């Protein structure tokens, strides 16, 4: 889980991050503008036999029913 969040965020240990997500403090969460839409994530756990280095896999999926993407 740390590796996946590290990849999506600003990095973790020796894993380079891609700045897709940023973590918010409780104060920043409380101050989210009313015109912004907040969604949820789901944790998906899998075991991949064909990837011995990282056979235990954890992925996050995003609640796409709440995403508004005009593109």
PDB file of N, CA and C in Angstrom:
ATOM      1  N   UNK A   1       0.825  -1.190   0.000  1.00  0.00           N
ATOM      2  CA  UNK A   1       0.000   0.000   0.000  1.00  0.00           C
ATOM      3  C   UNK A   1       0.870   1.254   0.000  1.00  0.00           C
ATOM      4  N   UNK A   2       1.958   1.221   0.756  1.00  0.00           N
ATOM      5  CA  UNK A   2       2.857   2.381   0.801  1.00  0.00           C
ATOM      6  C   UNK A   2       3.446   2.669  -0.570  1.00  0.00           C
ATOM      7  N   UNK A   3       3.808   1.623  -1.288  1.00  0.00           N
ATOM      8  CA  UNK A   3       4.381   1.811  -2.626  1.00  0.00           C
ATOM      9  C   UNK A   3       3.374   2.444  -3.580  1.00  0.00           C
ATOM     10  N   UNK A   4       2.146   1.958  -3.549  1.00  0.00           N
ATOM     11  CA  UNK A   4       1.125   2.509  -4.444  1.00  0.00           C
ATOM     12  C   UNK A   4       0.851   3.975  -4.125  1.00  0.00           C
ATOM     13  N   UNK A   5       0.673   4.299  -2.862  1.00  0.00           N
ATOM     14  CA  UNK A   5       0.447   5.692  -2.484  1.00  0.00           C
ATOM     15  C   UNK A   5       1.668   6.543  -2.794  1.00  0.00           C
ATOM     16  N   UNK A   6       2.847   5.987  -2.597  1.00  0.00           N
ATOM     17  CA  UNK A   6       4.070   6.710  -2.931  1.00  0.00           C
ATOM     18  C   UNK A   6       4.173   7.022  -4.401  1.00  0.00           C
ATOM     19  N   UNK A   7       3.822   6.058  -5.259  1.00  0.00           N
ATOM     20  CA  UNK A   7       3.828   6.304  -6.711  1.00  0.00           C
ATOM     21  C   UNK A   7       2.857   7.419  -7.089  1.00  0.00           C
ATOM     22  N   UNK A   8       1.674   7.387  -6.488  1.00  0.00           N
ATOM     23  CA  UNK A   8       0.657   8.383  -6.836  1.00  0.00           C
ATOM     24  C   UNK A   8       0.959   9.750  -6.240  1.00  0.00           C
ATOM     25  N   UNK A   9       1.632   9.780  -5.121  1.00  0.00           N
ATOM     26  CA  UNK A   9       1.903  11.045  -4.424  1.00  0.00           C
ATOM     27  C   UNK A   9       3.280  11.584  -4.807  1.00  0.00           C
ATOM     28  N   UNK A  10       4.061  11.946  -3.839  1.00  0.00           N
ATOM     29  CA  UNK A  10       5.347  12.592  -4.091  1.00  0.00           C
ATOM     30  C   UNK A  10       6.523  11.649  -3.897  1.00  0.00           C
ATOM     31  N   UNK A  11       6.272  10.344  -3.829  1.00  0.00           N
ATOM     32  CA  UNK A  11       7.332   9.365  -3.703  1.00  0.00           C
ATOM     33  C   UNK A  11       7.354   8.729  -2.328  1.00  0.00           C
ATOM     34  N   UNK A  12       8.037   7.583  -2.256  1.00  0.00           N
ATOM     35  CA  UNK A  12       8.168   6.854  -0.998  1.00  0.00           C
ATOM     36  C   UNK A  12       9.444   6.036  -1.069  1.00  0.00           C
ATOM     37  N   UNK A  13      10.312   6.209  -0.089  1.00  0.00           N
ATOM     38  CA  UNK A  13      11.571   5.470  -0.034  1.00  0.00           C
ATOM     39  C   UNK A  13      12.331   5.673  -1.346  1.00  0.00           C
ATOM     40  N   UNK A  14      12.584   4.637  -2.124  1.00  0.00           N
ATOM     41  CA  UNK A  14      13.297   4.805  -3.395  1.00  0.00           C
ATOM     42  C   UNK A  14      12.354   4.830  -4.595  1.00  0.00           C
ATOM     43  N   UNK A  15      11.062   4.959  -4.361  1.00  0.00           N
ATOM     44  CA  UNK A  15      10.064   4.990  -5.433  1.00  0.00           C
ATOM     45  C   UNK A  15       9.754   6.431  -5.793  1.00  0.00           C
ATOM     46  N   UNK A  16       9.829   6.738  -7.081  1.00  0.00           N
ATOM     47  CA  UNK A  16       9.571   8.088  -7.557  1.00  0.00           C
ATOM     48  C   UNK A  16       8.064   8.335  -7.646  1.00  0.00           C
ATOM     49  N   UNK A  17       7.614   9.463  -7.149  1.00  0.00           N
ATOM     50  CA  UNK A  17       6.212   9.823  -7.212  1.00  0.00           C
ATOM     51  C   UNK A  17       5.870  10.584  -8.476  1.00  0.00           C
ATOM     52  N   UNK A  18       4.582  10.568  -8.855  1.00  0.00           N
ATOM     53  CA  UNK A  18       4.144  11.253 -10.075  1.00  0.00           C
ATOM     54  C   UNK A  18       3.178  12.403  -9.785  1.00  0.00           C
ATOM     55  N   UNK A  19       3.020  12.794  -8.522  1.00  0.00           N
ATOM     56  CA  UNK A  19       2.190  13.937  -8.116  1.00  0.00           C
ATOM     57  C   UNK A  19       0.751  13.873  -8.638  1.00  0.00           C
ATOM     58  N   UNK A  20       0.168  12.686  -8.667  1.00  0.00           N
ATOM     59  CA  UNK A  20      -1.222  12.545  -9.087  1.00  0.00           C
ATOM     60  C   UNK A  20      -2.175  12.923  -7.960  1.00  0.00           C
ATOM     61  N   UNK A  21      -1.785  12.611  -6.733  1.00  0.00           N
ATOM     62  CA  UNK A  21      -2.617  12.940  -5.577  1.00  0.00           C
ATOM     63  C   UNK A  21      -1.791  13.728  -4.575  1.00  0.00           C
ATOM     64  N   UNK A  22      -2.481  14.485  -3.754  1.00  0.00           N
ATOM     65  CA  UNK A  22      -1.847  15.207  -2.658  1.00  0.00           C
ATOM     66  C   UNK A  22      -2.695  14.966  -1.419  1.00  0.00           C
ATOM     67  N   UNK A  23      -2.036  14.817  -0.293  1.00  0.00           N
ATOM     68  CA  UNK A  23      -2.743  14.596   0.962  1.00  0.00           C
ATOM     69  C   UNK A  23      -3.094  15.938   1.585  1.00  0.00           C
ATOM     70  N   UNK A  24      -4.305  16.033   2.122  1.00  0.00           N
ATOM     71  CA  UNK A  24      -4.797  17.270   2.716  1.00  0.00           C
ATOM     72  C   UNK A  24      -4.857  17.138   4.233  1.00  0.00           C
ATOM     73  N   UNK A  25      -4.566  18.231   4.903  1.00  0.00           N
ATOM     74  CA  UNK A  25      -4.759  18.273   6.349  1.00  0.00           C
ATOM     75  C   UNK A  25      -6.252  18.414   6.628  1.00  0.00           C
ATOM     76  N   UNK A  26      -6.642  18.179   7.853  1.00  0.00           N
ATOM     77  CA  UNK A  26      -8.057  18.293   8.216  1.00  0.00           C
ATOM     78  C   UNK A  26      -8.571  19.706   7.966  1.00  0.00           C
ATOM     79  N   UNK A  27      -7.753  20.716   8.229  1.00  0.00           N
ATOM     80  CA  UNK A  27      -8.169  22.104   7.970  1.00  0.00           C
ATOM     81  C   UNK A  27      -8.412  22.340   6.481  1.00  0.00           C
ATOM     82  N   UNK A  28      -7.559  21.800   5.637  1.00  0.00           N
ATOM     83  CA  UNK A  28      -7.748  21.969   4.192  1.00  0.00           C
ATOM     84  C   UNK A  28      -8.981  21.226   3.706  1.00  0.00           C
ATOM     85  N   UNK A  29      -9.270  20.075   4.303  1.00  0.00           N
ATOM     86  CA  UNK A  29     -10.481  19.334   3.930  1.00  0.00           C
ATOM     87  C   UNK A  29     -11.716  20.140   4.297  1.00  0.00           C
ATOM     88  N   UNK A  30     -11.710  20.730   5.464  1.00  0.00           N
ATOM     89  CA  UNK A  30     -12.862  21.539   5.893  1.00  0.00           C
ATOM     90  C   UNK A  30     -13.079  22.753   4.997  1.00  0.00           C
ATOM     91  N   UNK A  31     -12.020  23.242   4.374  1.00  0.00           N
ATOM     92  CA  UNK A  31     -12.115  24.449   3.558  1.00  0.00           C
ATOM     93  C   UNK A  31     -12.247  24.172   2.063  1.00  0.00           C
ATOM     94  N   UNK A  32     -12.636  22.962   1.686  1.00  0.00           N
ATOM     95  CA  UNK A  32     -12.860  22.664   0.274  1.00  0.00           C
ATOM     96  C   UNK A  32     -14.077  23.455  -0.193  1.00  0.00           C
ATOM     97  N   UNK A  33     -13.919  24.115  -1.311  1.00  0.00           N
ATOM     98  CA  UNK A  33     -14.982  24.952  -1.862  1.00  0.00           C
ATOM     99  C   UNK A  33     -16.229  24.120  -2.178  1.00  0.00           C
ATOM    100  N   UNK A  34     -17.399  24.718  -2.014  1.00  0.00           N
ATOM    101  CA  UNK A  34     -18.672  24.022  -2.243  1.00  0.00           C
ATOM    102  C   UNK A  34     -18.862  23.624  -3.705  1.00  0.00           C
ATOM    103  N   UNK A  35     -18.165  24.299  -4.617  1.00  0.00           N
ATOM    104  CA  UNK A  35     -18.322  23.960  -6.034  1.00  0.00           C
ATOM    105  C   UNK A  35     -17.395  22.816  -6.467  1.00  0.00           C
ATOM    106  N   UNK A  36     -16.592  22.285  -5.556  1.00  0.00           N
ATOM    107  CA  UNK A  36     -15.714  21.148  -5.852  1.00  0.00           C
ATOM    108  C   UNK A  36     -16.430  19.856  -5.487  1.00  0.00           C
ATOM    109  N   UNK A  37     -16.194  18.820  -6.256  1.00  0.00           N
ATOM    110  CA  UNK A  37     -16.799  17.529  -5.980  1.00  0.00           C
ATOM    111  C   UNK A  37     -15.735  16.576  -5.428  1.00  0.00           C
ATOM    112  N   UNK A  38     -16.041  15.929  -4.320  1.00  0.00           N
ATOM    113  CA  UNK A  38     -15.124  15.008  -3.651  1.00  0.00           C
ATOM    114  C   UNK A  38     -15.596  13.585  -3.946  1.00  0.00           C
ATOM    115  N   UNK A  39     -14.669  12.692  -4.230  1.00  0.00           N
ATOM    116  CA  UNK A  39     -15.039  11.306  -4.504  1.00  0.00           C
ATOM    117  C   UNK A  39     -14.367  10.382  -3.491  1.00  0.00           C
ATOM    118  N   UNK A  40     -14.472   9.115  -3.695  1.00  0.00           N
ATOM    119  CA  UNK A  40     -13.955   8.122  -2.761  1.00  0.00           C
ATOM    120  C   UNK A  40     -12.993   7.183  -3.488  1.00  0.00           C
ATOM    121  N   UNK A  41     -12.213   6.436  -2.706  1.00  0.00           N
ATOM    122  CA  UNK A  41     -11.358   5.415  -3.282  1.00  0.00           C
ATOM    123  C   UNK A  41     -11.743   4.053  -2.712  1.00  0.00           C
ATOM    124  N   UNK A  42     -11.360   3.038  -3.437  1.00  0.00           N
ATOM    125  CA  UNK A  42     -11.586   1.669  -3.001  1.00  0.00           C
ATOM    126  C   UNK A  42     -10.244   0.944  -3.051  1.00  0.00           C
ATOM    127  N   UNK A  43      -9.917   0.199  -2.023  1.00  0.00           N
ATOM    128  CA  UNK A  43      -8.671  -0.551  -1.975  1.00  0.00           C
ATOM    129  C   UNK A  43      -8.917  -1.935  -2.575  1.00  0.00           C
ATOM    130  N   UNK A  44      -8.106  -2.298  -3.579  1.00  0.00           N
ATOM    131  CA  UNK A  44      -8.203  -3.597  -4.245  1.00  0.00           C
ATOM    132  C   UNK A  44      -6.911  -4.360  -3.967  1.00  0.00           C
ATOM    133  N   UNK A  45      -7.023  -5.566  -3.429  1.00  0.00           N
ATOM    134  CA  UNK A  45      -5.859  -6.385  -3.082  1.00  0.00           C
ATOM    135  C   UNK A  45      -5.829  -7.608  -3.997  1.00  0.00           C
ATOM    136  N   UNK A  46      -4.629  -7.964  -4.491  1.00  0.00           N
ATOM    137  CA  UNK A  46      -4.485  -9.095  -5.405  1.00  0.00           C
ATOM    138  C   UNK A  46      -3.142  -9.768  -5.161  1.00  0.00           C
ATOM    139  N   UNK A  47      -3.035 -10.992  -5.587  1.00  0.00           N
ATOM    140  CA  UNK A  47      -1.775 -11.728  -5.518  1.00  0.00           C
ATOM    141  C   UNK A  47      -1.416 -12.152  -6.936  1.00  0.00           C
ATOM    142  N   UNK A  48      -0.277 -11.695  -7.433  1.00  0.00           N
ATOM    143  CA  UNK A  48       0.150 -11.972  -8.812  1.00  0.00           C
ATOM    144  C   UNK A  48       1.315 -12.950  -8.794  1.00  0.00           C
ATOM    145  N   UNK A  49       1.072 -14.176  -9.219  1.00  0.00           N
ATOM    146  CA  UNK A  49       2.113 -15.202  -9.246  1.00  0.00           C
ATOM    147  C   UNK A  49       3.222 -14.872 -10.236  1.00  0.00           C
ATOM    148  N   UNK A  50       2.884 -14.199 -11.338  1.00  0.00           N
ATOM    149  CA  UNK A  50       3.857 -13.927 -12.393  1.00  0.00           C
ATOM    150  C   UNK A  50       4.775 -12.739 -12.086  1.00  0.00           C
ATOM    151  N   UNK A  51       4.586 -12.079 -10.943  1.00  0.00           N
ATOM    152  CA  UNK A  51       5.454 -10.970 -10.541  1.00  0.00           C
ATOM    153  C   UNK A  51       6.066 -11.298  -9.181  1.00  0.00           C
ATOM    154  N   UNK A  52       7.139 -12.081  -9.167  1.00  0.00           N
ATOM    155  CA  UNK A  52       7.686 -12.519  -7.879  1.00  0.00           C
ATOM    156  C   UNK A  52       8.253 -11.395  -7.012  1.00  0.00           C
ATOM    157  N   UNK A  53       8.720 -10.308  -7.623  1.00  0.00           N
ATOM    158  CA  UNK A  53       9.290  -9.223  -6.833  1.00  0.00           C
ATOM    159  C   UNK A  53       8.218  -8.483  -6.036  1.00  0.00           C
ATOM    160  N   UNK A  54       7.078  -8.248  -6.664  1.00  0.00           N
ATOM    161  CA  UNK A  54       5.944  -7.581  -6.008  1.00  0.00           C
ATOM    162  C   UNK A  54       4.697  -8.424  -6.216  1.00  0.00           C
ATOM    163  N   UNK A  55       4.684  -9.620  -5.662  1.00  0.00           N
ATOM    164  CA  UNK A  55       3.544 -10.511  -5.893  1.00  0.00           C
ATOM    165  C   UNK A  55       2.295 -10.075  -5.132  1.00  0.00           C
ATOM    166  N   UNK A  56       2.459  -9.475  -3.968  1.00  0.00           N
ATOM    167  CA  UNK A  56       1.314  -8.934  -3.230  1.00  0.00           C
ATOM    168  C   UNK A  56       1.042  -7.538  -3.762  1.00  0.00           C
ATOM    169  N   UNK A  57      -0.106  -7.341  -4.393  1.00  0.00           N
ATOM    170  CA  UNK A  57      -0.412  -6.066  -5.039  1.00  0.00           C
ATOM    171  C   UNK A  57      -1.584  -5.384  -4.356  1.00  0.00           C
ATOM    172  N   UNK A  58      -1.481  -4.095  -4.190  1.00  0.00           N
ATOM    173  CA  UNK A  58      -2.565  -3.279  -3.652  1.00  0.00           C
ATOM    174  C   UNK A  58      -2.759  -2.122  -4.615  1.00  0.00           C
ATOM    175  N   UNK A  59      -3.982  -1.898  -5.025  1.00  0.00           N
ATOM    176  CA  UNK A  59      -4.293  -0.809  -5.947  1.00  0.00           C
ATOM    177  C   UNK A  59      -5.462  -0.006  -5.403  1.00  0.00           C
ATOM    178  N   UNK A  60      -5.514   1.248  -5.801  1.00  0.00           N
ATOM    179  CA  UNK A  60      -6.635   2.106  -5.449  1.00  0.00           C
ATOM    180  C   UNK A  60      -7.460   2.368  -6.695  1.00  0.00           C
ATOM    181  N   UNK A  61      -8.766   2.240  -6.567  1.00  0.00           N
ATOM    182  CA  UNK A  61      -9.651   2.648  -7.646  1.00  0.00           C
ATOM    183  C   UNK A  61     -10.455   3.841  -7.139  1.00  0.00           C
ATOM    184  N   UNK A  62     -10.872   4.680  -8.059  1.00  0.00           N
ATOM    185  CA  UNK A  62     -11.569   5.919  -7.710  1.00  0.00           C
ATOM    186  C   UNK A  62     -13.026   5.791  -8.103  1.00  0.00           C
ATOM    187  N   UNK A  63     -13.904   6.345  -7.262  1.00  0.00           N
ATOM    188  CA  UNK A  63     -15.335   6.313  -7.539  1.00  0.00           C
ATOM    189  C   UNK A  63     -15.682   7.133  -8.764  1.00  0.00           C
ATOM    190  N   UNK A  64     -15.722   6.467  -9.911  1.00  0.00           N
ATOM    191  CA  UNK A  64     -15.898   7.192 -11.182  1.00  0.00           C
ATOM    192  C   UNK A  64     -17.304   7.752 -11.356  1.00  0.00           C
ATOM    193  N   UNK A  65     -18.265   7.297 -10.591  1.00  0.00           N
ATOM    194  CA  UNK A  65     -19.601   7.855 -10.726  1.00  0.00           C
ATOM    195  C   UNK A  65     -19.674   9.303 -10.219  1.00  0.00           C
ATOM    196  N   UNK A  66     -18.646   9.744  -9.510  1.00  0.00           N
ATOM    197  CA  UNK A  66     -18.640  11.115  -8.994  1.00  0.00           C
ATOM    198  C   UNK A  66     -17.628  12.012  -9.703  1.00  0.00           C
ATOM    199  N   UNK A  67     -16.898  11.469 -10.672  1.00  0.00           N
ATOM    200  CA  UNK A  67     -15.891  12.267 -11.360  1.00  0.00           C
ATOM    201  C   UNK A  67     -16.540  13.021 -12.523  1.00  0.00           C
ATOM    202  N   UNK A  68     -16.274  14.306 -12.575  1.00  0.00           N
ATOM    203  CA  UNK A  68     -16.717  15.133 -13.698  1.00  0.00           C
ATOM    204  C   UNK A  68     -15.493  15.524 -14.492  1.00  0.00           C
ATOM    205  N   UNK A  69     -15.355  14.947 -15.670  1.00  0.00           N
ATOM    206  CA  UNK A  69     -14.205  15.252 -16.529  1.00  0.00           C
ATOM    207  C   UNK A  69     -14.745  15.680 -17.883  1.00  0.00           C
ATOM    208  N   UNK A  70     -14.602  16.957 -18.233  1.00  0.00           N
ATOM    209  CA  UNK A  70     -15.175  17.453 -19.493  1.00  0.00           C
ATOM    210  C   UNK A  70     -14.478  16.946 -20.746  1.00  0.00           C
ATOM    211  N   UNK A  71     -13.255  16.404 -20.607  1.00  0.00           N
ATOM    212  CA  UNK A  71     -12.500  15.948 -21.779  1.00  0.00           C
ATOM    213  C   UNK A  71     -12.890  14.573 -22.130  1.00  0.00           C
TER     214      UNK A  71
END
